[in-house]
Amino acid sequence: MKSSFWKNYRFPILLVSGVIVGSILGIILKEKAAVLKPFGDIFINVLFTVVVPLIFLSITNSIIQMDNMKRLGKIVASMFIVFIITGLIAAAVMIITVRVFNPAEGFTMPVTQVEDPNPPKISEQLVKMVTVTDFKDLLSISNMLPLIVFSLFFGFSIKLVGEKAKPIIPVIEAATLALMKLVSIIMYYAPIGLGAYFANLVGKFGPELIGTYARACAVYYPAAFLYFFIFFPIYGYIAAGKYGVKSMKYLITPMITSLSTQSSIATLPINLEASEKIGVSEDVRNIVLPIGATAHMDGTCLSGILKIAFLYGVFGMNFTGIDVWIGSIIFVTLAGMANGAIPGGGLISEMLIVSIYGFPPEAFPLIATIGILVDPPATMVNSVGDNVAGMLVSRIVEGKDWFKNRIVSNN
């Protein structure tokens, strides 16, 4: 049991331990902790260096590995509609939450490097998010979302070319494996890098920064569990009426598994079993749940809004205005769907936030730490939400009585 717990939680424990040790050193050393800053900067710089090829290769490889791209077009179309709508709702819920409870209240960093404290209108923001004017701009960390879009279409194009494109597939696969290994090597340094960064940060700004993280967690955890226990039954009712609400009992095991493993992929076998018990047809669950494990990210949408609002507060900016809110909702929904296919997708999402909103580089470790702290409930919402999505897709594809011919055998 102990070895299993350590195996599942080893990396987050080491990261949090690094942050704690660094924070203690910052309190003790105060301004002298600045001597440790270069060790933190090395970690951040290396991550930003590897992120561009990581995104391109990982997403392209995930697309070319798909075998069922032409199967059940109605299921796939319905699935992505459900993913987008539930993601938008989750993001909107967190917008309301952070408007009531400011996650960064009482703490600001007087940094003057924020590029654009007044984001452009929604239409301009969307164009900037997904396109660039020159191919070379795709190689910049400031344009990662356009790179994601390019990688998706490049992967689809390889599949459409077919036989003639086969020689490039092993190259992409091998390069992806090599880069994933490089990322795993870099992450061994993460506890030291984050610890050094926070030693300098706490030494400079004081222990009140630690209290700010406690507040951010106090905002996220209740919001995530309320979303889970309120909106999932609502989705279940929309999908299958009273039976949909009653079928929430089958989600207990996936819920516990996802909290323990902090992995949607590790929870997938349990999710498939639960989905079968609920009565979701084999073709629906075998498409929706595996893709949902990497593309359906309601918990990530919740945490994405929290991170954006947190940085707005930390850097003394007002997280207000319809344009800002709607732009943030659309951004976290699209980024959440795209990042799931990437190893360390949470870190990529945080880099996207920093680059899209023009925050200074030191903003990245701030929200990376939030990502670590809120990961268990975020994974729970991400993973278990795939079962609910399967029910909604069944309702769209098969009609309102989709579950009735399966209830007897499953109960």
Protein backbone atom coordinates (compact mmCIF):
# COMPACT_ATOMS: atom_id res chain seq x y z
CA MET A 1 0.00 0.00 0.00
CA LYS A 2 2.80 2.40 0.93
CA SER A 3 4.75 1.63 -2.24
CA SER A 4 1.59 2.11 -4.32
CA PHE A 5 0.91 5.47 -2.68
CA TRP A 6 4.51 6.57 -3.22
CA LYS A 7 4.40 5.43 -6.85
CA ASN A 8 1.21 7.37 -7.55
CA TYR A 9 2.10 10.54 -5.65
CA ARG A 10 5.91 10.56 -5.78
CA PHE A 11 6.34 13.30 -8.35
CA PRO A 12 3.80 15.78 -6.91
CA ILE A 13 5.17 15.10 -3.41
CA LEU A 14 8.71 15.88 -4.57
CA LEU A 15 7.55 19.03 -6.36
CA VAL A 16 5.57 20.30 -3.39
CA SER A 17 8.47 19.38 -1.09
CA GLY A 18 10.82 21.40 -3.29
CA VAL A 19 8.50 24.40 -3.14
CA ILE A 20 8.16 24.07 0.66
CA VAL A 21 11.91 23.77 1.21
CA GLY A 22 12.54 26.68 -1.13
CA SER A 23 9.92 28.80 0.64
CA ILE A 24 11.50 28.05 4.02
CA LEU A 25 14.91 29.03 2.66
CA GLY A 26 13.37 32.23 1.33
CA ILE A 27 11.93 33.08 4.75
CA ILE A 28 15.30 32.41 6.42
CA LEU A 29 17.60 34.00 3.84
CA LYS A 30 15.27 36.83 2.77
CA GLU A 31 16.99 39.00 0.12
CA LYS A 32 20.07 36.74 0.18
CA ALA A 33 17.95 33.99 -1.38
CA ALA A 34 18.41 35.78 -4.72
CA VAL A 35 21.64 33.79 -5.08
CA LEU A 36 19.44 30.74 -5.83
CA LYS A 37 17.47 32.45 -8.60
CA PRO A 38 19.70 31.23 -11.49
CA PHE A 39 18.89 27.60 -10.60
CA GLY A 40 15.20 28.39 -10.99
CA ASP A 41 15.76 30.33 -14.19
CA ILE A 42 17.57 27.35 -15.72
CA PHE A 43 14.51 25.14 -15.20
CA ILE A 44 12.12 27.70 -16.69
CA ASN A 45 14.35 28.40 -19.69
CA VAL A 46 14.85 24.71 -20.50
CA LEU A 47 11.10 24.09 -20.34
CA PHE A 48 10.36 26.97 -22.68
CA THR A 49 13.05 25.69 -25.06
CA VAL A 50 11.61 22.18 -25.34
CA VAL A 51 7.95 23.14 -25.51
CA VAL A 52 7.74 23.98 -29.24
CA PRO A 53 9.01 20.63 -30.60
CA LEU A 54 7.12 18.86 -27.80
CA ILE A 55 3.78 20.29 -28.92
CA PHE A 56 4.36 19.69 -32.62
CA LEU A 57 5.59 16.10 -32.34
CA SER A 58 3.22 14.95 -29.59
CA ILE A 59 0.04 16.22 -31.23
CA THR A 60 1.03 15.15 -34.74
CA ASN A 61 1.95 11.69 -33.46
CA SER A 62 -1.31 11.31 -31.53
CA ILE A 63 -3.30 12.11 -34.69
CA ILE A 64 -1.44 9.70 -36.97
CA GLN A 65 -1.90 6.89 -34.42
CA MET A 66 -5.70 7.07 -34.64
CA ASP A 67 -7.21 4.06 -36.44
CA ASN A 68 -10.92 4.90 -36.35
CA MET A 69 -11.03 8.36 -37.85
CA LYS A 70 -13.74 7.45 -40.39
CA ARG A 71 -15.91 5.38 -38.06
CA LEU A 72 -19.15 6.60 -36.63
CA GLY A 73 -18.97 10.21 -37.77
CA LYS A 74 -22.13 11.11 -35.88
CA ILE A 75 -20.65 9.84 -32.62
CA VAL A 76 -17.44 11.82 -33.13
CA ALA A 77 -19.30 15.01 -34.06
CA SER A 78 -21.65 14.67 -31.08
CA MET A 79 -18.72 13.90 -28.81
CA PHE A 80 -16.85 17.09 -29.62
CA ILE A 81 -20.03 19.16 -29.29
CA VAL A 82 -20.50 17.71 -25.79
CA PHE A 83 -16.83 18.24 -24.90
CA ILE A 84 -16.97 21.89 -25.96
CA ILE A 85 -20.30 22.70 -24.27
CA THR A 86 -19.40 21.11 -20.93
CA GLY A 87 -15.97 22.77 -21.04
CA LEU A 88 -17.56 26.16 -21.64
CA ILE A 89 -19.96 25.60 -18.74
CA ALA A 90 -17.12 24.59 -16.39
CA ALA A 91 -15.12 27.67 -17.35
CA ALA A 92 -18.17 29.91 -16.85
CA VAL A 93 -18.73 28.40 -13.39
CA MET A 94 -15.17 29.28 -12.36
CA ILE A 95 -15.53 32.80 -13.81
CA ILE A 96 -18.43 33.35 -11.41
CA THR A 97 -16.46 31.78 -8.54
CA VAL A 98 -13.34 33.94 -8.95
CA ARG A 99 -15.48 37.04 -9.28
CA VAL A 100 -16.91 36.30 -5.83
CA PHE A 101 -13.70 34.96 -4.28
CA ASN A 102 -10.54 36.58 -5.66
CA PRO A 103 -7.85 33.82 -5.51
CA ALA A 104 -5.00 36.37 -5.26
CA GLU A 105 -6.61 38.83 -2.86
CA GLY A 106 -4.09 40.59 -0.64
CA PHE A 107 -0.99 39.87 -2.72
CA THR A 108 0.50 41.64 -5.73
CA MET A 109 3.86 41.58 -7.50
CA PRO A 110 4.94 44.97 -8.85
CA VAL A 111 6.09 43.70 -12.24
CA THR A 112 6.00 46.06 -15.20
CA GLN A 113 6.66 43.53 -17.98
CA VAL A 114 3.06 42.55 -18.66
CA GLU A 115 2.68 43.20 -22.36
CA ASP A 116 -1.03 43.96 -22.66
CA PRO A 117 -3.08 44.74 -19.54
CA ASN A 118 -6.06 45.44 -21.79
CA PRO A 119 -6.59 42.38 -24.01
CA PRO A 120 -8.03 43.00 -27.50
CA LYS A 121 -11.64 42.39 -28.47
CA ILE A 122 -12.87 38.81 -28.70
CA SER A 123 -12.60 38.61 -32.50
CA GLU A 124 -9.06 40.00 -32.49
CA GLN A 125 -8.09 37.75 -29.59
CA LEU A 126 -9.36 34.63 -31.39
CA VAL A 127 -7.43 35.49 -34.56
CA LYS A 128 -4.27 36.07 -32.52
CA MET A 129 -4.84 32.84 -30.58
CA VAL A 130 -5.02 30.47 -33.54
CA THR A 131 -3.10 32.04 -36.44
CA VAL A 132 0.23 33.66 -37.33
CA THR A 133 1.33 35.58 -40.41
CA ASP A 134 4.57 33.67 -41.02
CA PHE A 135 5.64 30.03 -40.57
CA LYS A 136 8.70 31.01 -38.55
CA ASP A 137 6.38 32.55 -35.95
CA LEU A 138 5.12 29.04 -35.15
CA LEU A 139 8.53 28.35 -33.59
CA SER A 140 8.03 31.00 -30.90
CA ILE A 141 6.66 30.23 -27.45
CA SER A 142 4.48 33.31 -27.89
CA ASN A 143 2.46 31.48 -30.55
CA MET A 144 1.84 28.04 -29.09
CA LEU A 145 -1.88 27.82 -29.79
CA PRO A 146 -1.35 28.42 -33.53
CA LEU A 147 1.31 25.71 -33.36
CA ILE A 148 -1.26 23.34 -31.82
CA VAL A 149 -3.71 24.11 -34.63
CA PHE A 150 -0.98 23.58 -37.24
CA SER A 151 0.07 20.29 -35.63
CA LEU A 152 -3.51 18.99 -35.61
CA PHE A 153 -4.02 19.76 -39.29
CA PHE A 154 -0.59 18.41 -40.21
CA GLY A 155 -1.42 15.13 -38.47
CA PHE A 156 -4.78 14.90 -40.24
CA SER A 157 -3.09 15.66 -43.57
CA ILE A 158 -0.65 12.78 -43.09
CA LYS A 159 -3.61 10.45 -42.48
CA LEU A 160 -5.40 11.74 -45.59
CA VAL A 161 -2.34 11.26 -47.82
CA GLY A 162 -2.30 7.61 -46.79
CA GLU A 163 0.23 5.15 -48.20
CA LYS A 164 2.65 7.73 -49.61
CA ALA A 165 3.01 9.42 -46.21
CA LYS A 166 3.89 6.20 -44.36
CA PRO A 167 7.69 6.75 -44.45
CA ILE A 168 7.36 9.86 -42.29
CA ILE A 169 5.31 8.15 -39.58
CA PRO A 170 8.17 6.13 -37.94
CA VAL A 171 10.32 9.28 -37.93
CA ILE A 172 7.65 11.25 -36.06
CA GLU A 173 7.07 8.35 -33.65
CA ALA A 174 10.79 8.00 -32.86
CA ALA A 175 11.28 11.75 -32.46
CA THR A 176 8.26 11.91 -30.14
CA LEU A 177 9.66 9.13 -27.94
CA ALA A 178 13.06 10.83 -27.80
CA LEU A 179 11.52 14.16 -26.83
CA MET A 180 9.33 12.54 -24.18
CA LYS A 181 12.46 10.99 -22.70
CA LEU A 182 14.12 14.42 -22.72
CA VAL A 183 11.13 15.90 -20.89
CA SER A 184 11.27 13.14 -18.27
CA ILE A 185 14.96 13.91 -17.73
CA ILE A 186 14.25 17.63 -17.37
CA MET A 187 11.51 16.95 -14.83
CA TYR A 188 14.02 15.28 -12.50
CA TYR A 189 15.37 18.79 -11.99
CA ALA A 190 11.89 20.27 -11.37
CA PRO A 191 11.90 20.03 -7.53
CA ILE A 192 15.27 21.81 -7.42
CA GLY A 193 14.29 24.38 -10.05
CA LEU A 194 10.96 25.24 -8.46
CA GLY A 195 12.50 25.19 -4.99
CA ALA A 196 15.21 27.64 -6.03
CA TYR A 197 12.69 29.88 -7.74
CA PHE A 198 10.43 30.02 -4.70
CA ALA A 199 13.35 30.63 -2.36
CA ASN A 200 14.04 33.81 -4.32
CA LEU A 201 10.34 34.68 -4.63
CA VAL A 202 9.52 34.30 -0.93
CA GLY A 203 12.77 35.99 0.03
CA LYS A 204 11.77 38.95 -2.10
CA PHE A 205 8.05 39.20 -1.44
CA GLY A 206 7.64 37.52 1.93
CA PRO A 207 5.66 34.57 3.34
CA GLU A 208 2.31 36.18 2.42
CA LEU A 209 2.78 34.53 -1.00
CA ILE A 210 2.28 31.12 0.65
CA GLY A 211 -1.03 32.28 2.09
CA THR A 212 -2.10 33.27 -1.40
CA TYR A 213 -1.71 29.65 -2.56
CA ALA A 214 -3.83 28.46 0.34
CA ARG A 215 -6.53 30.89 -0.77
CA ALA A 216 -6.32 29.67 -4.38
CA CYS A 217 -6.81 26.07 -3.19
CA ALA A 218 -9.67 27.18 -0.94
CA VAL A 219 -11.34 28.61 -4.05
CA TYR A 220 -10.70 25.63 -6.36
CA TYR A 221 -11.44 22.58 -4.21
CA PRO A 222 -15.03 23.55 -3.24
CA ALA A 223 -15.73 24.74 -6.79
CA ALA A 224 -14.50 21.45 -8.32
CA PHE A 225 -16.49 19.26 -5.94
CA LEU A 226 -19.62 21.41 -6.33
CA TYR A 227 -19.30 21.16 -10.11
CA PHE A 228 -18.89 17.39 -9.76
CA PHE A 229 -21.88 16.83 -7.47
CA ILE A 230 -24.23 19.41 -9.02
CA PHE A 231 -23.54 19.56 -12.75
CA PHE A 232 -22.78 15.88 -13.39
CA PRO A 233 -26.21 14.80 -12.07
CA ILE A 234 -27.77 17.58 -14.18
CA TYR A 235 -25.98 16.24 -17.26
CA GLY A 236 -27.10 12.74 -16.29
CA TYR A 237 -30.71 13.91 -16.06
CA ILE A 238 -30.49 15.58 -19.48
CA ALA A 239 -29.09 12.33 -20.91
CA ALA A 240 -31.44 9.81 -19.31
CA GLY A 241 -33.89 11.47 -16.92
CA LYS A 242 -34.13 10.01 -13.42
CA TYR A 243 -32.13 6.96 -14.48
CA GLY A 244 -29.27 9.23 -15.46
CA VAL A 245 -29.17 10.66 -11.93
CA LYS A 246 -29.40 7.20 -10.33
CA SER A 247 -26.56 5.95 -12.53
CA MET A 248 -24.19 8.36 -10.77
CA LYS A 249 -23.62 5.51 -8.29
CA TYR A 250 -21.49 3.81 -10.95
CA LEU A 251 -19.11 6.78 -10.91
CA ILE A 252 -17.90 6.22 -7.34
CA THR A 253 -15.13 3.79 -8.31
CA PRO A 254 -13.79 5.97 -11.17
CA MET A 255 -13.93 8.94 -8.81
CA ILE A 256 -11.77 7.23 -6.17
CA THR A 257 -9.40 5.82 -8.81
CA SER A 258 -8.84 9.19 -10.48
CA LEU A 259 -8.20 10.90 -7.14
CA SER A 260 -5.66 8.21 -6.24
CA THR A 261 -3.80 7.96 -9.54
CA GLN A 262 -4.20 11.58 -10.72
CA SER A 263 -4.36 10.14 -14.23
CA SER A 264 -7.28 10.02 -16.68
CA ILE A 265 -5.44 7.36 -18.68
CA ALA A 266 -4.92 5.15 -15.62
CA THR A 267 -8.63 5.52 -14.81
CA LEU A 268 -9.74 4.60 -18.34
CA PRO A 269 -10.27 0.84 -17.75
CA ILE A 270 -12.40 1.63 -14.67
CA ASN A 271 -14.31 4.24 -16.67
CA LEU A 272 -15.04 1.77 -19.47
CA GLU A 273 -16.41 -0.73 -16.96
CA ALA A 274 -18.59 1.91 -15.30
CA SER A 275 -19.86 3.11 -18.68
CA GLU A 276 -20.88 -0.43 -19.58
CA LYS A 277 -22.82 -0.74 -16.31
CA ILE A 278 -24.58 2.55 -17.02
CA GLY A 279 -25.70 1.16 -20.37
CA VAL A 280 -23.66 3.17 -22.86
CA SER A 281 -23.27 1.15 -26.07
CA GLU A 282 -19.92 -0.41 -26.89
CA ASP A 283 -19.18 1.74 -29.94
CA VAL A 284 -20.00 4.97 -28.09
CA ARG A 285 -17.96 4.18 -24.99
CA ASN A 286 -15.00 2.83 -26.97
CA ILE A 287 -14.75 6.10 -28.88
CA VAL A 288 -15.85 8.72 -26.35
CA LEU A 289 -13.93 7.52 -23.29
CA PRO A 290 -10.44 6.99 -24.81
CA ILE A 291 -10.59 10.30 -26.68
CA GLY A 292 -12.18 11.95 -23.65
CA ALA A 293 -9.23 10.85 -21.51
CA THR A 294 -7.06 13.24 -23.52
CA ALA A 295 -9.52 15.82 -24.87
CA HIS A 296 -12.39 16.24 -22.37
CA MET A 297 -11.04 18.48 -19.63
CA ASP A 298 -13.74 20.16 -17.52
CA GLY A 299 -11.43 20.13 -14.49
CA THR A 300 -8.70 21.75 -16.55
CA CYS A 301 -11.16 24.43 -17.69
CA LEU A 302 -11.94 25.16 -14.03
CA SER A 303 -8.27 25.40 -13.09
CA GLY A 304 -7.39 27.37 -16.23
CA ILE A 305 -9.74 30.20 -15.29
CA LEU A 306 -8.42 30.10 -11.72
CA LYS A 307 -4.83 30.48 -12.97
CA ILE A 308 -5.69 33.37 -15.28
CA ALA A 309 -7.62 35.19 -12.54
CA PHE A 310 -4.78 34.48 -10.10
CA LEU A 311 -2.19 36.09 -12.38
CA TYR A 312 -4.43 39.05 -13.08
CA GLY A 313 -4.65 39.61 -9.32
CA VAL A 314 -0.96 39.00 -8.64
CA PHE A 315 0.12 41.51 -11.29
CA GLY A 316 -2.42 44.13 -10.21
CA MET A 317 -4.72 43.78 -13.23
CA ASN A 318 -8.52 43.73 -13.15
CA PHE A 319 -10.08 40.45 -14.28
CA THR A 320 -13.23 42.21 -15.45
CA GLY A 321 -15.14 42.84 -18.66
CA ILE A 322 -17.21 40.66 -20.96
CA ASP A 323 -14.42 40.52 -23.55
CA VAL A 324 -11.92 39.31 -20.96
CA TRP A 325 -14.29 36.70 -19.54
CA ILE A 326 -15.54 35.30 -22.84
CA GLY A 327 -12.02 35.28 -24.29
CA SER A 328 -10.76 33.40 -21.23
CA ILE A 329 -13.62 30.88 -21.39
CA ILE A 330 -12.97 30.13 -25.07
CA PHE A 331 -9.21 29.96 -24.51
CA VAL A 332 -9.25 27.47 -21.61
CA THR A 333 -11.81 25.28 -23.38
CA LEU A 334 -9.78 25.00 -26.58
CA ALA A 335 -6.45 24.76 -24.76
CA GLY A 336 -7.79 22.04 -22.46
CA MET A 337 -8.91 19.92 -25.42
CA ALA A 338 -5.61 20.39 -27.25
CA ASN A 339 -3.27 19.88 -24.30
CA GLY A 340 -4.63 16.53 -23.20
CA ALA A 341 -2.69 14.69 -25.89
CA ILE A 342 0.59 16.20 -24.72
CA PRO A 343 2.76 14.67 -21.95
CA GLY A 344 2.81 17.25 -19.19
CA GLY A 345 -0.16 18.97 -20.80
CA GLY A 346 -0.85 20.94 -17.63
CA LEU A 347 2.52 22.64 -17.94
CA ILE A 348 1.81 23.41 -21.59
CA SER A 349 -1.50 25.00 -20.61
CA GLU A 350 0.30 27.18 -18.10
CA MET A 351 2.86 28.22 -20.70
CA LEU A 352 0.02 29.07 -23.07
CA ILE A 353 -1.56 31.31 -20.45
CA VAL A 354 1.72 33.15 -19.93
CA SER A 355 2.35 33.61 -23.67
CA ILE A 356 -1.19 34.43 -24.82
CA TYR A 357 -1.82 36.98 -22.07
CA GLY A 358 1.66 38.49 -22.22
CA PHE A 359 2.61 37.81 -18.61
CA PRO A 360 6.33 37.89 -17.69
CA PRO A 361 8.24 34.57 -17.52
CA GLU A 362 8.16 34.54 -13.70
CA ALA A 363 4.39 34.04 -13.93
CA PHE A 364 4.90 30.45 -15.09
CA PRO A 365 6.16 28.91 -11.80
CA LEU A 366 3.38 30.73 -9.93
CA ILE A 367 0.59 28.97 -11.80
CA ALA A 368 2.59 25.74 -12.27
CA THR A 369 2.48 25.37 -8.49
CA ILE A 370 -1.28 25.97 -8.49
CA GLY A 371 -1.56 23.24 -11.11
CA ILE A 372 0.24 20.81 -8.82
CA LEU A 373 -1.89 21.70 -5.81
CA VAL A 374 -5.26 21.36 -7.58
CA ASP A 375 -4.37 18.33 -9.71
CA PRO A 376 -6.28 15.64 -7.72
CA PRO A 377 -9.77 17.21 -7.96
CA ALA A 378 -9.03 18.48 -11.49
CA THR A 379 -8.21 14.95 -12.64
CA MET A 380 -11.33 13.64 -10.90
CA VAL A 381 -13.56 16.06 -12.81
CA ASN A 382 -11.68 15.44 -16.08
CA SER A 383 -11.83 11.66 -15.84
CA VAL A 384 -15.29 10.99 -14.40
CA GLY A 385 -16.75 13.61 -16.72
CA ASP A 386 -15.96 11.29 -19.64
CA ASN A 387 -18.64 8.87 -18.44
CA VAL A 388 -21.19 11.66 -18.29
CA ALA A 389 -20.12 12.77 -21.77
CA GLY A 390 -20.72 9.21 -23.01
CA MET A 391 -24.27 9.37 -21.67
CA LEU A 392 -24.92 12.71 -23.38
CA VAL A 393 -23.52 11.42 -26.68
CA SER A 394 -25.78 8.36 -26.40
CA ARG A 395 -28.77 10.68 -25.93
CA ILE A 396 -27.87 12.63 -29.09
CA VAL A 397 -27.02 9.62 -31.25
CA GLU A 398 -29.62 7.07 -30.11
CA GLY A 399 -32.48 9.19 -28.79
CA LYS A 400 -34.04 9.70 -25.37
CA ASP A 401 -34.70 5.97 -24.76
CA TRP A 402 -31.11 4.88 -25.44
CA PHE A 403 -30.68 3.29 -22.01
CA LYS A 404 -33.96 1.39 -21.59
CA ASN A 405 -33.03 -1.79 -23.43
CA ARG A 406 -29.86 -2.12 -21.34
CA ILE A 407 -31.08 -1.42 -17.81
CA VAL A 408 -32.25 -4.97 -17.07
CA SER A 409 -28.94 -6.65 -17.93
CA ASN A 410 -26.87 -4.04 -16.09
CA ASN A 411 -28.86 -4.07 -12.88
